[in-house]
Amino acid sequence: MNPIDLVLVEDDPMVMEVNEGFIKRIGGFRICGKAKTGKMALEIIQNLRPRLVILDIYLPDFNGIQILREIRRLGIPTDIILITAAQDVATVQAGLRFGVVDYIIKPFKFERINTALNNYYSYTEQFRNRWEMNQEDLDRLIKIHPQHEAHLNRTREELPKGLREITLQQVFNFLKESQVGLSAEEVAEGAGLARVTARRYLEYLEKINRVLLETQYGAVGRPINKYKVVL
């Protein structure tokens, strides 16, 4: 999948730089535009039509909710993640009513925006090469929508070297959808990964207690390890 085009809207240069560094660190997204005012943001969004906008609320000319309202009025097919210090209930409700896919309160840590962007990436993956969806597809899609999906509950600061958050979410989602135990080979084939890669992610998910390893013994041959999501 090509990188997802993203526009950053933030009036504080230091915060803009930090957010830009986070996004590049996560991967899977391309910053196609940056704006430090509401007017500049609307112009860039109308011209570029990005898939995603990371939007601050407190801007020197417009309130971020006003920008969000205008984007919806214009019918621009852009998703919004709000990153702001605003915590009042009225602002939070306004953002949710206008369909933001996530709401992050400043100050925040890397893990929080990492969660938001990886959930969003997984969400957009569900629309690839599809013309229509049945009820089962929609039910599954709603469960992994950034507003609804509980991020993998891990107690860690960083993934082990060589593992990527996006691929981890992909493996976890595939295993969760199967509803039965799968071998590393089956996960690799279904998720489009090399066997050794799938096995590394499955072993990590077992280590953090997100999947259960079951060993099945047949009449002959070596036992087969099956992995199943812990509900």
Protein backbone atom coordinates (compact mmCIF):
# COMPACT_ATOMS: atom_id res chain seq x y z
CA MET A 1 0.00 0.00 0.00
CA ASN A 2 1.27 3.47 -0.86
CA PRO A 3 1.93 5.88 2.03
CA ILE A 4 -1.15 7.74 3.26
CA ASP A 5 -1.05 11.47 2.46
CA LEU A 6 -1.27 13.58 5.59
CA VAL A 7 -1.45 17.31 6.36
CA LEU A 8 -0.16 18.71 9.66
CA VAL A 9 -1.88 21.81 11.11
CA GLU A 10 -0.06 23.31 14.11
CA ASP A 11 0.90 26.91 14.94
CA ASP A 12 3.73 26.09 17.37
CA PRO A 13 6.94 25.43 15.34
CA MET A 14 8.43 23.24 18.06
CA VAL A 15 5.33 21.08 18.37
CA MET A 16 5.13 20.88 14.57
CA GLU A 17 8.71 19.58 14.45
CA VAL A 18 8.06 17.01 17.17
CA ASN A 19 4.88 15.74 15.48
CA GLU A 20 6.64 15.55 12.13
CA GLY A 21 9.41 13.47 13.71
CA PHE A 22 6.87 11.11 15.29
CA ILE A 23 5.06 10.58 11.98
CA LYS A 24 8.27 9.84 10.08
CA ARG A 25 9.31 7.44 12.83
CA ILE A 26 6.04 5.51 12.60
CA GLY A 27 6.13 5.09 8.82
CA GLY A 28 3.30 4.41 6.39
CA PHE A 29 2.40 8.11 6.08
CA ARG A 30 3.64 10.93 3.84
CA ILE A 31 3.44 14.54 5.03
CA CYS A 32 2.25 16.32 1.90
CA GLY A 33 1.53 19.68 3.52
CA LYS A 34 1.95 21.74 6.68
CA ALA A 35 0.02 24.77 7.91
CA LYS A 36 0.34 27.09 10.91
CA THR A 37 -2.93 29.00 10.44
CA GLY A 38 -6.52 28.02 9.77
CA LYS A 39 -6.63 29.93 6.49
CA MET A 40 -3.50 28.22 5.23
CA ALA A 41 -4.87 24.85 6.37
CA LEU A 42 -8.12 25.23 4.43
CA GLU A 43 -6.27 26.25 1.28
CA ILE A 44 -3.89 23.29 1.49
CA ILE A 45 -6.66 20.81 2.28
CA GLN A 46 -8.85 22.03 -0.59
CA ASN A 47 -5.94 21.83 -3.04
CA LEU A 48 -4.33 18.56 -1.92
CA ARG A 49 -7.36 16.63 -0.66
CA PRO A 50 -5.26 14.53 1.74
CA ARG A 51 -6.55 11.29 3.19
CA LEU A 52 -5.80 12.44 6.75
CA VAL A 53 -5.36 15.77 8.58
CA ILE A 54 -3.80 16.11 12.03
CA LEU A 55 -5.44 19.28 13.30
CA ASP A 56 -4.81 21.56 16.28
CA ILE A 57 -7.76 23.50 17.72
CA TYR A 58 -6.05 26.62 19.04
CA LEU A 59 -4.85 28.48 15.94
CA PRO A 60 -4.15 32.22 15.58
CA ASP A 61 -7.04 32.93 13.19
CA PHE A 62 -9.59 30.10 13.31
CA ASN A 63 -10.70 27.56 15.87
CA GLY A 64 -9.96 24.00 14.74
CA ILE A 65 -13.61 23.05 15.14
CA GLN A 66 -14.51 25.82 12.65
CA ILE A 67 -12.03 24.33 10.19
CA LEU A 68 -13.46 20.87 10.75
CA ARG A 69 -16.97 22.19 10.18
CA GLU A 70 -15.88 23.89 6.94
CA ILE A 71 -14.19 20.72 5.67
CA ARG A 72 -17.43 18.83 6.21
CA ARG A 73 -19.51 21.61 4.61
CA LEU A 74 -17.32 21.49 1.50
CA GLY A 75 -17.71 17.71 1.32
CA ILE A 76 -13.96 17.08 1.28
CA PRO A 77 -13.36 13.33 1.87
CA THR A 78 -10.68 13.82 4.52
CA ASP A 79 -10.36 12.13 7.90
CA ILE A 80 -9.35 14.20 10.92
CA ILE A 81 -7.33 13.48 14.06
CA LEU A 82 -7.50 16.31 16.59
CA ILE A 83 -4.38 16.93 18.67
CA THR A 84 -5.06 19.71 21.14
CA ALA A 85 -4.90 20.94 24.70
CA ALA A 86 -8.68 21.46 24.67
CA GLN A 87 -10.32 19.14 27.19
CA ASP A 88 -13.71 20.76 27.76
CA VAL A 89 -16.67 18.50 27.10
CA ALA A 90 -18.28 20.85 24.54
CA THR A 91 -15.17 20.81 22.32
CA VAL A 92 -14.72 17.06 22.64
CA GLN A 93 -18.37 16.45 21.71
CA ALA A 94 -18.14 18.87 18.77
CA GLY A 95 -15.13 17.02 17.41
CA LEU A 96 -16.85 13.65 17.73
CA ARG A 97 -20.06 14.93 16.13
CA PHE A 98 -18.07 16.09 13.11
CA GLY A 99 -16.58 12.64 12.78
CA VAL A 100 -12.98 12.89 13.96
CA VAL A 101 -11.32 9.49 13.93
CA ASP A 102 -9.30 10.21 17.08
CA TYR A 103 -8.84 12.91 19.73
CA ILE A 104 -5.42 13.28 21.39
CA ILE A 105 -4.91 15.65 24.32
CA LYS A 106 -1.65 17.54 24.69
CA PRO A 107 0.84 16.84 26.08
CA PHE A 108 1.06 13.28 24.80
CA LYS A 109 3.70 10.61 24.39
CA PHE A 110 4.89 8.93 21.22
CA GLU A 111 2.94 5.77 22.08
CA ARG A 112 -0.39 7.61 21.86
CA ILE A 113 0.08 9.01 18.35
CA ASN A 114 1.66 5.71 17.35
CA THR A 115 -1.54 3.96 18.44
CA ALA A 116 -3.73 6.46 16.59
CA LEU A 117 -1.87 6.25 13.28
CA ASN A 118 -1.47 2.48 13.30
CA ASN A 119 -5.17 2.01 14.08
CA TYR A 120 -5.99 4.39 11.25
CA TYR A 121 -3.67 2.53 8.88
CA SER A 122 -5.37 -0.78 9.74
CA TYR A 123 -8.76 0.85 9.25
CA THR A 124 -7.92 2.13 5.75
CA GLU A 125 -6.54 -1.28 4.77
CA GLN A 126 -10.07 -2.70 5.01
CA PHE A 127 -11.16 -0.56 2.04
CA ARG A 128 -8.48 -1.73 -0.37
CA ASN A 129 -9.74 -3.34 -3.59
CA ARG A 130 -13.37 -3.40 -2.39
CA TRP A 131 -16.47 -2.20 -4.22
CA GLU A 132 -19.03 -3.17 -1.62
CA MET A 133 -19.31 -4.64 1.87
CA ASN A 134 -21.67 -7.09 3.52
CA GLN A 135 -22.82 -6.91 7.14
CA GLU A 136 -19.98 -9.12 8.38
CA ASP A 137 -17.45 -6.84 6.67
CA LEU A 138 -19.03 -3.75 8.22
CA ASP A 139 -19.17 -5.27 11.70
CA ARG A 140 -15.49 -6.10 11.48
CA LEU A 141 -14.66 -2.66 10.11
CA ILE A 142 -16.48 -0.85 12.92
CA LYS A 143 -14.61 -2.91 15.51
CA ILE A 144 -11.23 -1.74 14.17
CA HIS A 145 -12.24 1.87 13.51
CA PRO A 146 -9.80 4.17 15.31
CA GLN A 147 -12.62 5.41 17.55
CA HIS A 148 -13.58 1.89 18.62
CA GLU A 149 -10.57 -0.39 18.43
CA ALA A 150 -8.81 -0.95 21.73
CA HIS A 151 -5.14 -0.84 20.97
CA LEU A 152 -3.10 -3.92 21.83
CA ASN A 153 -2.75 -3.62 25.60
CA ARG A 154 1.00 -3.86 25.97
CA THR A 155 3.34 -2.86 28.73
CA ARG A 156 6.36 -1.84 26.68
CA GLU A 157 8.20 1.27 25.66
CA GLU A 158 9.36 0.07 22.23
CA LEU A 159 8.83 -2.93 20.01
CA PRO A 160 11.80 -5.29 19.74
CA LYS A 161 14.25 -4.39 17.00
CA GLY A 162 13.02 -5.44 13.57
CA LEU A 163 9.30 -5.48 14.46
CA ARG A 164 6.91 -2.85 13.09
CA GLU A 165 3.69 -1.67 14.72
CA ILE A 166 1.73 -1.80 11.46
CA THR A 167 2.71 -5.41 10.77
CA LEU A 168 2.02 -6.38 14.38
CA GLN A 169 -1.51 -4.97 14.09
CA GLN A 170 -1.94 -6.76 10.75
CA VAL A 171 -0.98 -10.14 12.25
CA PHE A 172 -3.15 -9.58 15.33
CA ASN A 173 -6.20 -8.54 13.27
CA PHE A 174 -5.86 -11.52 10.93
CA LEU A 175 -5.62 -13.92 13.84
CA LYS A 176 -8.58 -12.29 15.61
CA GLU A 177 -10.78 -12.58 12.51
CA SER A 178 -10.08 -16.30 12.12
CA GLN A 179 -11.70 -17.16 15.51
CA VAL A 180 -9.73 -20.44 15.54
CA GLY A 181 -6.14 -21.31 16.31
CA LEU A 182 -3.75 -20.93 13.38
CA SER A 183 -0.19 -22.05 12.79
CA ALA A 184 2.58 -19.62 11.91
CA GLU A 185 2.46 -20.96 8.34
CA GLU A 186 -1.28 -20.26 8.06
CA VAL A 187 -0.86 -16.75 9.44
CA ALA A 188 2.03 -16.09 7.07
CA GLU A 189 -0.01 -17.18 4.06
CA GLY A 190 -3.12 -15.28 5.09
CA ALA A 191 -1.31 -12.06 6.04
CA GLY A 192 1.06 -12.15 3.08
CA LEU A 193 4.24 -12.50 5.18
CA ALA A 194 7.26 -14.76 5.20
CA ARG A 195 6.93 -17.66 7.65
CA VAL A 196 9.88 -16.55 9.76
CA THR A 197 8.40 -13.03 9.95
CA ALA A 198 4.96 -14.25 10.99
CA ARG A 199 6.52 -16.50 13.62
CA ARG A 200 8.47 -13.58 15.17
CA TYR A 201 5.30 -11.49 15.52
CA LEU A 202 3.31 -14.39 16.91
CA GLU A 203 6.02 -15.16 19.48
CA TYR A 204 5.99 -11.53 20.56
CA LEU A 205 2.19 -11.48 20.85
CA GLU A 206 2.38 -14.61 23.00
CA LYS A 207 5.06 -12.96 25.17
CA ILE A 208 2.82 -9.96 25.92
CA ASN A 209 -0.16 -12.29 26.54
CA ARG A 210 -2.25 -11.20 23.56
CA VAL A 211 -2.31 -14.67 21.97
CA LEU A 212 -2.36 -18.15 23.44
CA LEU A 213 -0.06 -20.89 22.16
CA GLU A 214 -1.62 -24.33 21.90
CA THR A 215 0.37 -27.39 20.89
CA GLN A 216 -1.60 -29.97 18.94
CA TYR A 217 -0.33 -33.54 18.65
CA GLY A 218 -1.25 -35.74 15.72
CA ALA A 219 -0.94 -39.47 15.27
CA VAL A 220 2.38 -39.09 13.49
CA GLY A 221 4.90 -36.36 12.82
CA ARG A 222 5.91 -33.30 14.81
CA PRO A 223 3.41 -31.42 17.00
CA ILE A 224 1.90 -28.25 15.51
CA ASN A 225 1.85 -24.95 17.37
CA LYS A 226 -1.41 -23.04 16.99
CA TYR A 227 -1.93 -19.42 18.02
CA LYS A 228 -5.26 -17.99 19.15
CA VAL A 229 -6.22 -14.49 20.29
CA VAL A 230 -6.85 -14.13 24.02
CA LEU A 231 -10.33 -12.62 24.44
